[in-house]
Amino acid sequence: MEFQGADTLTYSVVIGAVMGLGIYLLVRAIAPGRRGAVATVARVDAMRARGSGRTTTSSQQQEEGRFGGLRAQVGERAAEFYMRQGWEQRSLRSDLAVLDRSWESFLATKVLLSAVGLVFGPGVYALISVAGFGLNPVIPVWLALVAALLFFLLPDLEVRRDAADKRKDLRRVVGAYLDLVAMNLAGGRGLPEALMAAADISDGWALRKVRNALADARITGTSQWQALGNLGDELGIEELKDLSASLALVSDDGAKVRESLASRAETMRHRELAEIEGAAGEKSQSMLVAQLLLCAGFLVFLVYPAAIRVLQV
């Protein structure tokens, strides 16, 4: 009886500590804290960037209904909380830029999924308890916390996986784009005209990104290779940043630019071919392991009757 009382007291203390920690985190998330200089500058930049899209966002909320409005509000609150804490999450932002997804909607998905996880864990415990299994009453608390954390991290894994696949396509398109730019330069065009003409040859999402970056550079008065570097920084593409640096060095010499682009495109093709060969080798190795396991199972199937007879004798 004394041990049962001690266990009950321990469980009560653990549950109280978890609830107190949750209430503390909730208060910290809701109550406005003192913003630092970095967070204030980031907030001003974000408000300036979203200034033109406020009307579109409100109209989209009216079209999507109550759930869309709730999701938008949750996303804005979560983005403001991240900004107030100074969490930039640059890698995730670049992944979302590759996928053409907004930061606010991504954060809203994470928060809503974690809320679903808080309900999912105790729901699983309720189903198990109905089935007749006697479990500890502290288990639903841990199930709720683990499920909420797991559901909170699932969108990150999905975004990183999809962004990695899309970056491979973008690198492939960039290699072909460099060949087209070199061909335009060989035809007598200047570097700005060659960059824009090569980007106009297709309406795919990758060349559309490049074309929009070049058009924005023409409007703002910045150099086009600097715009390509900014695009590479935004999307997390190192090849575009290297291309921007090399074009800035040899932009006045057409022959050097053409040679640099041709050699860079060839390097990217060799790298892509090496990646394809490596992936094919991994798949062949996995198929070989599967065949060996199948052969081992067939041998066991053949040897098992004879082994049983020998052991019985």
Protein backbone atom coordinates (compact mmCIF):
# COMPACT_ATOMS: atom_id res chain seq x y z
CA MET A 1 0.00 0.00 0.00
CA GLU A 2 2.84 2.36 0.78
CA PHE A 3 4.42 1.68 -2.64
CA GLN A 4 1.09 2.32 -4.37
CA GLY A 5 0.71 5.62 -2.52
CA ALA A 6 4.24 6.64 -3.50
CA ASP A 7 3.55 5.76 -7.15
CA THR A 8 0.32 7.76 -7.11
CA LEU A 9 2.14 10.74 -5.62
CA THR A 10 4.87 10.50 -8.27
CA TYR A 11 2.32 10.37 -11.09
CA SER A 12 0.48 13.36 -9.64
CA VAL A 13 3.72 15.36 -9.45
CA VAL A 14 4.65 14.45 -13.04
CA ILE A 15 1.21 15.36 -14.38
CA GLY A 16 1.23 18.64 -12.45
CA ALA A 17 4.70 19.50 -13.74
CA VAL A 18 3.69 18.79 -17.34
CA MET A 19 0.53 20.87 -17.03
CA GLY A 20 2.46 23.71 -15.41
CA LEU A 21 5.04 23.65 -18.20
CA GLY A 22 2.27 23.72 -20.81
CA ILE A 23 0.56 26.69 -19.12
CA TYR A 24 3.90 28.52 -18.90
CA LEU A 25 4.65 27.97 -22.59
CA LEU A 26 1.13 29.07 -23.52
CA VAL A 27 1.50 32.29 -21.53
CA ARG A 28 4.92 32.96 -23.08
CA ALA A 29 3.46 32.41 -26.55
CA ILE A 30 0.47 34.73 -25.99
CA ALA A 31 2.03 37.49 -23.88
CA PRO A 32 4.11 39.94 -25.96
CA GLY A 33 7.72 40.10 -24.94
CA ARG A 34 10.41 42.67 -25.53
CA ARG A 35 11.53 42.55 -29.15
CA GLY A 36 15.18 42.67 -30.04
CA ALA A 37 16.69 44.76 -32.83
CA VAL A 38 16.90 41.81 -35.23
CA ALA A 39 13.29 40.80 -34.58
CA THR A 40 12.08 44.40 -35.08
CA VAL A 41 13.90 44.77 -38.41
CA ALA A 42 12.63 41.39 -39.57
CA ARG A 43 9.07 42.37 -38.62
CA VAL A 44 9.30 45.62 -40.60
CA ASP A 45 10.68 43.77 -43.64
CA ALA A 46 7.95 41.14 -43.46
CA MET A 47 5.21 43.76 -43.17
CA ARG A 48 6.67 45.64 -46.13
CA ALA A 49 6.82 42.45 -48.18
CA ARG A 50 3.23 41.53 -47.29
CA GLY A 51 1.88 45.05 -47.72
CA SER A 52 0.77 44.56 -51.31
CA GLY A 53 -0.83 41.20 -50.64
CA ARG A 54 -3.15 42.11 -47.79
CA THR A 55 -6.23 42.56 -50.00
CA THR A 56 -5.60 39.29 -51.80
CA THR A 57 -5.25 37.50 -48.50
CA SER A 58 -8.54 38.90 -47.19
CA SER A 59 -10.37 37.90 -50.36
CA GLN A 60 -8.90 34.42 -50.21
CA GLN A 61 -10.06 34.12 -46.60
CA GLN A 62 -13.62 35.01 -47.62
CA GLU A 63 -13.53 32.42 -50.40
CA GLU A 64 -12.09 29.63 -48.29
CA GLY A 65 -14.60 30.11 -45.48
CA ARG A 66 -14.20 29.95 -41.75
CA PHE A 67 -11.54 27.28 -41.75
CA GLY A 68 -9.41 29.28 -44.16
CA GLY A 69 -9.76 32.38 -42.01
CA LEU A 70 -8.87 30.43 -38.87
CA ARG A 71 -5.84 28.91 -40.58
CA ALA A 72 -4.71 32.33 -41.79
CA GLN A 73 -5.02 33.79 -38.30
CA VAL A 74 -3.10 30.89 -36.75
CA GLY A 75 -0.39 31.25 -39.39
CA GLU A 76 -0.02 34.99 -38.78
CA ARG A 77 0.14 34.51 -35.00
CA ALA A 78 2.73 31.74 -35.35
CA ALA A 79 4.81 33.80 -37.81
CA GLU A 80 4.69 36.76 -35.45
CA PHE A 81 5.79 34.52 -32.56
CA TYR A 82 8.73 33.18 -34.61
CA MET A 83 9.66 36.73 -35.58
CA ARG A 84 9.46 37.93 -31.98
CA GLN A 85 11.74 35.12 -30.87
CA GLY A 86 14.21 35.77 -33.70
CA TRP A 87 13.87 32.30 -35.27
CA GLU A 88 14.65 32.85 -38.94
CA GLN A 89 14.60 29.23 -40.18
CA ARG A 90 16.40 30.12 -43.41
CA SER A 91 16.69 26.56 -44.70
CA LEU A 92 12.98 25.94 -44.26
CA ARG A 93 12.14 29.26 -45.89
CA SER A 94 14.27 28.37 -48.92
CA ASP A 95 12.55 24.98 -49.14
CA LEU A 96 9.16 26.68 -49.04
CA ALA A 97 10.29 29.15 -51.71
CA VAL A 98 11.23 26.23 -53.97
CA LEU A 99 7.78 24.70 -53.42
CA ASP A 100 5.96 28.06 -53.82
CA ARG A 101 4.39 27.79 -50.39
CA SER A 102 3.96 30.61 -47.92
CA TRP A 103 5.62 30.68 -44.52
CA GLU A 104 2.36 31.51 -42.70
CA SER A 105 0.42 28.57 -44.16
CA PHE A 106 3.27 26.21 -43.31
CA LEU A 107 3.33 27.35 -39.68
CA ALA A 108 -0.46 27.09 -39.50
CA THR A 109 -0.24 23.49 -40.73
CA LYS A 110 2.34 22.67 -38.05
CA VAL A 111 0.30 24.23 -35.23
CA LEU A 112 -3.00 22.65 -36.30
CA LEU A 113 -1.40 19.22 -36.73
CA SER A 114 0.16 19.46 -33.26
CA ALA A 115 -3.30 20.29 -31.87
CA VAL A 116 -4.66 17.20 -33.60
CA GLY A 117 -1.82 15.20 -32.04
CA LEU A 118 -2.85 16.36 -28.57
CA VAL A 119 -6.25 14.75 -29.16
CA PHE A 120 -4.95 11.74 -31.10
CA GLY A 121 -2.78 10.39 -28.28
CA PRO A 122 -5.50 10.23 -25.60
CA GLY A 123 -7.91 8.89 -28.26
CA VAL A 124 -5.61 5.93 -28.90
CA TYR A 125 -5.37 5.36 -25.15
CA ALA A 126 -9.17 5.43 -24.87
CA LEU A 127 -9.52 2.79 -27.59
CA ILE A 128 -6.94 0.56 -25.87
CA SER A 129 -8.63 0.96 -22.49
CA VAL A 130 -12.02 0.09 -24.01
CA ALA A 131 -10.47 -3.10 -25.39
CA GLY A 132 -9.86 -4.19 -21.79
CA PHE A 133 -6.17 -3.47 -21.30
CA GLY A 134 -5.41 -1.97 -17.92
CA LEU A 135 -2.91 0.85 -18.38
CA ASN A 136 -1.36 3.58 -16.30
CA PRO A 137 -3.32 6.89 -16.14
CA VAL A 138 -0.13 8.89 -16.88
CA ILE A 139 0.25 7.23 -20.30
CA PRO A 140 -2.31 9.47 -22.12
CA VAL A 141 -0.33 12.55 -21.08
CA TRP A 142 2.85 11.20 -22.64
CA LEU A 143 0.94 9.95 -25.68
CA ALA A 144 -0.52 13.42 -26.20
CA LEU A 145 2.90 15.09 -25.90
CA VAL A 146 4.68 12.59 -28.17
CA ALA A 147 1.90 12.70 -30.79
CA ALA A 148 1.85 16.52 -30.74
CA LEU A 149 5.64 16.67 -31.19
CA LEU A 150 5.56 14.08 -33.96
CA PHE A 151 2.74 15.81 -35.83
CA PHE A 152 4.54 19.14 -35.39
CA LEU A 153 7.68 17.78 -37.11
CA LEU A 154 5.95 15.88 -39.93
CA PRO A 155 5.49 18.97 -42.20
CA ASP A 156 9.23 19.71 -41.93
CA LEU A 157 10.13 16.25 -43.20
CA GLU A 158 7.62 16.50 -46.04
CA VAL A 159 8.83 19.94 -47.12
CA ARG A 160 12.50 18.94 -47.05
CA ARG A 161 11.82 15.79 -49.08
CA ASP A 162 9.76 17.57 -51.74
CA ALA A 163 12.19 20.49 -51.92
CA ALA A 164 15.16 18.15 -52.42
CA ASP A 165 13.38 16.46 -55.34
CA LYS A 166 12.44 19.79 -56.88
CA ARG A 167 15.98 21.16 -56.51
CA LYS A 168 17.27 18.23 -58.56
CA ASP A 169 14.94 19.24 -61.38
CA LEU A 170 16.02 22.86 -61.02
CA ARG A 171 19.71 21.96 -61.25
CA ARG A 172 19.01 19.92 -64.38
CA VAL A 173 17.20 22.88 -65.94
CA VAL A 174 19.98 25.27 -64.93
CA GLY A 175 22.53 23.11 -66.77
CA ALA A 176 20.44 23.22 -69.97
CA TYR A 177 19.88 26.96 -69.43
CA LEU A 178 23.61 27.61 -69.33
CA ASP A 179 24.04 25.78 -72.65
CA LEU A 180 21.32 27.93 -74.19
CA VAL A 181 22.95 31.11 -72.90
CA ALA A 182 26.30 30.03 -74.37
CA MET A 183 24.61 29.33 -77.72
CA ASN A 184 22.99 32.78 -77.71
CA LEU A 185 26.34 34.39 -76.92
CA ALA A 186 27.93 32.48 -79.78
CA GLY A 187 25.18 33.86 -82.04
CA GLY A 188 26.30 37.43 -81.36
CA ARG A 189 23.94 38.53 -78.59
CA GLY A 190 25.03 40.40 -75.53
CA LEU A 191 24.96 38.85 -72.08
CA PRO A 192 21.70 40.49 -70.85
CA GLU A 193 19.86 39.60 -74.06
CA ALA A 194 21.27 36.06 -74.03
CA LEU A 195 20.17 35.49 -70.44
CA MET A 196 16.62 36.68 -71.12
CA ALA A 197 16.30 34.90 -74.48
CA ALA A 198 17.40 31.59 -72.97
CA ALA A 199 14.85 31.99 -70.16
CA ASP A 200 12.01 32.67 -72.63
CA ILE A 201 12.39 29.33 -74.41
CA SER A 202 10.15 27.43 -71.96
CA ASP A 203 7.31 28.10 -69.53
CA GLY A 204 8.36 25.57 -66.91
CA TRP A 205 8.45 26.57 -63.28
CA ALA A 206 12.26 26.66 -63.12
CA LEU A 207 12.80 28.93 -66.12
CA ARG A 208 9.81 30.98 -65.02
CA LYS A 209 11.62 31.65 -61.73
CA VAL A 210 14.74 32.69 -63.65
CA ARG A 211 12.71 34.87 -66.04
CA ASN A 212 10.92 36.64 -63.20
CA ALA A 213 14.21 37.29 -61.43
CA LEU A 214 15.74 38.77 -64.60
CA ALA A 215 12.65 40.92 -65.21
CA ASP A 216 12.73 42.23 -61.64
CA ALA A 217 16.43 43.04 -62.05
CA ARG A 218 15.66 45.06 -65.17
CA ILE A 219 12.95 47.02 -63.33
CA THR A 220 14.98 47.67 -60.18
CA GLY A 221 18.15 48.52 -62.09
CA THR A 222 20.35 45.78 -60.63
CA SER A 223 22.59 43.54 -62.71
CA GLN A 224 21.09 40.33 -64.00
CA TRP A 225 23.86 38.12 -62.59
CA GLN A 226 23.24 39.67 -59.19
CA ALA A 227 19.55 38.78 -59.61
CA LEU A 228 20.55 35.18 -60.37
CA GLY A 229 22.67 35.13 -57.22
CA ASN A 230 19.75 36.44 -55.16
CA LEU A 231 17.52 33.76 -56.66
CA GLY A 232 20.08 31.09 -55.77
CA ASP A 233 20.25 32.45 -52.23
CA GLU A 234 16.46 32.42 -51.95
CA LEU A 235 16.03 28.88 -53.30
CA GLY A 236 19.20 27.42 -51.77
CA ILE A 237 20.81 26.62 -55.15
CA GLU A 238 24.59 26.89 -54.91
CA GLU A 239 25.01 26.62 -58.68
CA LEU A 240 23.15 29.87 -59.27
CA LYS A 241 25.24 31.69 -56.68
CA ASP A 242 28.46 30.40 -58.23
CA LEU A 243 27.18 31.41 -61.66
CA SER A 244 26.46 34.91 -60.39
CA ALA A 245 29.97 35.25 -58.98
CA SER A 246 31.63 34.00 -62.18
CA LEU A 247 29.50 36.26 -64.42
CA ALA A 248 30.36 39.26 -62.27
CA LEU A 249 34.06 38.58 -62.86
CA VAL A 250 33.98 38.04 -66.64
CA SER A 251 30.88 40.01 -67.65
CA ASP A 252 32.88 42.39 -69.89
CA ASP A 253 34.52 39.68 -72.00
CA GLY A 254 32.06 37.73 -74.16
CA ALA A 255 34.49 34.94 -75.03
CA LYS A 256 35.36 34.29 -71.40
CA VAL A 257 31.68 34.33 -70.46
CA ARG A 258 30.88 31.76 -73.14
CA GLU A 259 33.75 29.50 -72.07
CA SER A 260 32.80 29.82 -68.40
CA LEU A 261 29.16 28.94 -69.08
CA ALA A 262 30.05 25.97 -71.29
CA SER A 263 32.49 24.54 -68.73
CA ARG A 264 30.03 25.07 -65.88
CA ALA A 265 27.24 23.35 -67.81
CA GLU A 266 29.53 20.42 -68.57
CA THR A 267 30.49 20.15 -64.90
CA MET A 268 26.83 20.09 -63.89
CA ARG A 269 26.08 17.37 -66.45
CA HIS A 270 28.95 15.23 -65.15
CA ARG A 271 27.74 15.71 -61.57
CA GLU A 272 24.19 14.77 -62.53
CA LEU A 273 25.44 11.69 -64.39
CA ALA A 274 27.46 10.65 -61.34
CA GLU A 275 24.39 11.04 -59.11
CA ILE A 276 22.28 8.97 -61.51
CA GLU A 277 24.91 6.22 -61.62
CA GLY A 278 25.15 6.23 -57.82
CA ALA A 279 21.37 5.92 -57.46
CA ALA A 280 21.32 3.09 -60.00
CA GLY A 281 24.11 1.32 -58.09
CA GLU A 282 22.18 1.59 -54.82
CA LYS A 283 19.06 0.15 -56.46
CA SER A 284 21.03 -2.73 -57.99
CA GLN A 285 22.56 -3.51 -54.59
CA SER A 286 19.13 -3.54 -52.96
CA MET A 287 17.84 -5.88 -55.68
CA LEU A 288 20.84 -8.17 -55.13
CA VAL A 289 20.13 -8.32 -51.39
CA ALA A 290 16.48 -9.15 -52.11
CA GLN A 291 17.51 -11.96 -54.47
CA LEU A 292 19.92 -13.39 -51.89
CA LEU A 293 17.21 -13.37 -49.23
CA LEU A 294 14.84 -15.11 -51.64
CA CYS A 295 17.45 -17.77 -52.41
CA ALA A 296 18.16 -18.28 -48.71
CA GLY A 297 14.45 -18.74 -48.01
CA PHE A 298 14.16 -21.26 -50.85
CA LEU A 299 17.14 -23.23 -49.51
CA VAL A 300 15.57 -23.30 -46.04
CA PHE A 301 12.35 -24.56 -47.61
CA LEU A 302 14.28 -27.39 -49.31
CA VAL A 303 16.48 -28.37 -46.35
CA TYR A 304 13.82 -28.16 -43.62
CA PRO A 305 12.09 -31.56 -44.28
CA ALA A 306 15.40 -33.47 -44.43
CA ALA A 307 16.64 -31.73 -41.27
CA ILE A 308 13.44 -32.63 -39.41
CA ARG A 309 13.80 -36.31 -40.39
CA VAL A 310 17.46 -36.42 -39.29
CA LEU A 311 16.62 -34.84 -35.94
CA GLN A 312 13.74 -37.23 -35.37
CA VAL A 313 15.99 -40.24 -35.99
